[in-house]
Structures are given as C-alpha cells and as structure tokens.
Amino acid sequence: MDNIFVERLWRTVKYEEVYLKQHGNLPDLLMGLTQYFQFYNQERRHQSLAYKTPDEVYKTAIGGGAKIVDKFKDTGEASEPVQQNRDGAVQLEC
C-alpha cells in the first residue's frame, strides 16, 4: 500500500505524456515532463479530489484523503511539533 499512489502517478505520466509524445532525446523529455507536471498539478481535475486540482486541495487544505498539517507558522518560525494518533487526532508534543 505504501507505493500505490506513486505507482499510479507514474502510470498516468507514462500513458498521458511519455507514450503519447515519444520524446526523441533527454532535453525534450525533461521539458515535456516539466510541462506535464505543471498541467497535472494546476489544471487537471482529479476525481479522487472531488474534481479539484492538487494545487487547490493543497492551498485550501480541504478535499482529498490526506489531511495536511503545517508544522510552521506563516512567519517562518517553527511552531510546536505536531503528531497524529492512529485515529487521526492531532496532538501537540510538549
């Protein structure tokens, strides 16, 4: 289960970018992947994220299956460390 999300991502990248475009050399492949990941994160809506983009989910911290916990304040200073229980409850470390 650990790799399922990464494996699915790379399957999507291969089928939507690599196999379709068949880049002729490494610089073309790198440029194509850069453009694809910008599209994937900023424009492509995902069913598992309630048809939102990954950027929208990350910036708003709503939607999707994972809860995003920011360990640092907006001021750039470290805040108290955060830890989650098995049941998903957030605890502050003292």
Protein backbone atom coordinates (compact mmCIF):
# COMPACT_ATOMS: atom_id res chain seq x y z
CA MET A 1 0.00 0.00 0.00
CA ASP A 2 2.93 2.38 0.55
CA ASN A 3 3.73 2.78 -3.12
CA ILE A 4 0.24 2.67 -4.60
CA PHE A 5 -0.06 6.45 -5.02
CA VAL A 6 3.37 6.83 -6.57
CA GLU A 7 2.85 3.83 -8.87
CA ARG A 8 -0.49 5.21 -10.04
CA LEU A 9 1.04 8.65 -10.66
CA TRP A 10 3.83 7.22 -12.79
CA ARG A 11 1.37 5.06 -14.72
CA THR A 12 -0.63 8.18 -15.51
CA VAL A 13 2.51 10.10 -16.52
CA LYS A 14 3.59 7.30 -18.85
CA TYR A 15 0.19 6.91 -20.53
CA GLU A 16 -0.66 10.64 -20.80
CA GLU A 17 2.80 12.04 -21.63
CA VAL A 18 5.66 9.64 -22.32
CA TYR A 19 3.98 7.05 -24.57
CA LEU A 20 1.89 9.62 -26.48
CA LYS A 21 4.67 12.09 -27.25
CA GLN A 22 7.64 9.71 -27.62
CA HIS A 23 10.27 12.36 -26.95
CA GLY A 24 13.37 11.94 -29.10
CA ASN A 25 16.03 13.00 -26.62
CA LEU A 26 16.55 13.72 -22.93
CA PRO A 27 16.14 17.55 -23.05
CA ASP A 28 12.80 17.15 -24.88
CA LEU A 29 11.68 14.55 -22.33
CA LEU A 30 12.61 16.80 -19.39
CA MET A 31 10.75 19.76 -20.92
CA GLY A 32 7.73 17.59 -21.64
CA LEU A 33 7.66 16.22 -18.09
CA THR A 34 8.02 19.71 -16.63
CA GLN A 35 5.06 20.95 -18.66
CA TYR A 36 3.02 17.83 -17.85
CA PHE A 37 3.53 18.15 -14.09
CA GLN A 38 2.51 21.81 -14.22
CA PHE A 39 -0.65 20.73 -16.05
CA TYR A 40 -1.19 17.77 -13.68
CA ASN A 41 -0.96 19.92 -10.53
CA GLN A 42 -2.53 23.18 -11.70
CA GLU A 43 -5.13 22.31 -14.35
CA ARG A 44 -6.02 18.62 -14.37
CA ARG A 45 -9.02 17.93 -12.15
CA HIS A 46 -8.87 14.69 -10.16
CA GLN A 47 -11.88 12.53 -9.37
CA SER A 48 -10.40 11.44 -6.03
CA LEU A 49 -10.04 15.12 -5.03
CA ALA A 50 -13.71 15.95 -5.68
CA TYR A 51 -12.76 17.26 -9.16
CA LYS A 52 -10.33 19.82 -7.79
CA THR A 53 -6.72 20.26 -8.81
CA PRO A 54 -3.94 19.14 -6.44
CA ASP A 55 -2.89 22.79 -6.07
CA GLU A 56 -6.41 23.79 -4.95
CA VAL A 57 -6.51 20.98 -2.38
CA TYR A 58 -3.03 21.79 -1.08
CA LYS A 59 -3.64 25.54 -0.77
CA THR A 60 -7.01 25.20 0.93
CA ALA A 61 -6.21 22.01 2.92
CA ILE A 62 -9.70 20.69 2.11
CA GLY A 63 -10.72 17.74 0.00
CA GLY A 64 -8.82 14.60 -0.80
CA GLY A 65 -8.00 11.82 1.59
CA ALA A 66 -4.92 13.20 3.31
CA LYS A 67 -5.00 15.85 6.00
CA ILE A 68 -2.32 18.47 5.54
CA VAL A 69 -0.71 19.62 8.77
CA ASP A 70 1.56 22.66 8.57
CA LYS A 71 4.28 22.46 11.24
CA PHE A 72 5.44 26.05 10.72
CA LYS A 73 3.75 29.42 11.15
CA ASP A 74 3.45 31.89 8.26
CA THR A 75 6.17 34.00 9.92
CA GLY A 76 8.75 31.35 9.11
CA GLU A 77 9.37 30.46 12.74
CA ALA A 78 8.92 26.89 13.90
CA SER A 79 5.77 26.19 15.83
CA GLU A 80 5.18 23.40 18.29
CA PRO A 81 5.73 19.97 16.70
CA VAL A 82 2.56 18.15 15.68
CA GLN A 83 1.89 14.43 15.90
CA GLN A 84 -1.13 12.36 14.82
CA ASN A 85 -2.65 9.40 16.69
CA ARG A 86 -3.76 6.22 14.93
CA ASP A 87 -7.32 7.57 14.94
CA GLY A 88 -6.19 10.76 13.17
CA ALA A 89 -6.41 13.10 16.17
CA VAL A 90 -3.69 15.74 16.26
CA GLN A 91 -1.57 16.07 19.42
CA LEU A 92 0.98 18.69 20.30
CA GLU A 93 4.31 17.42 21.61
CA CYS A 94 5.46 19.00 24.87
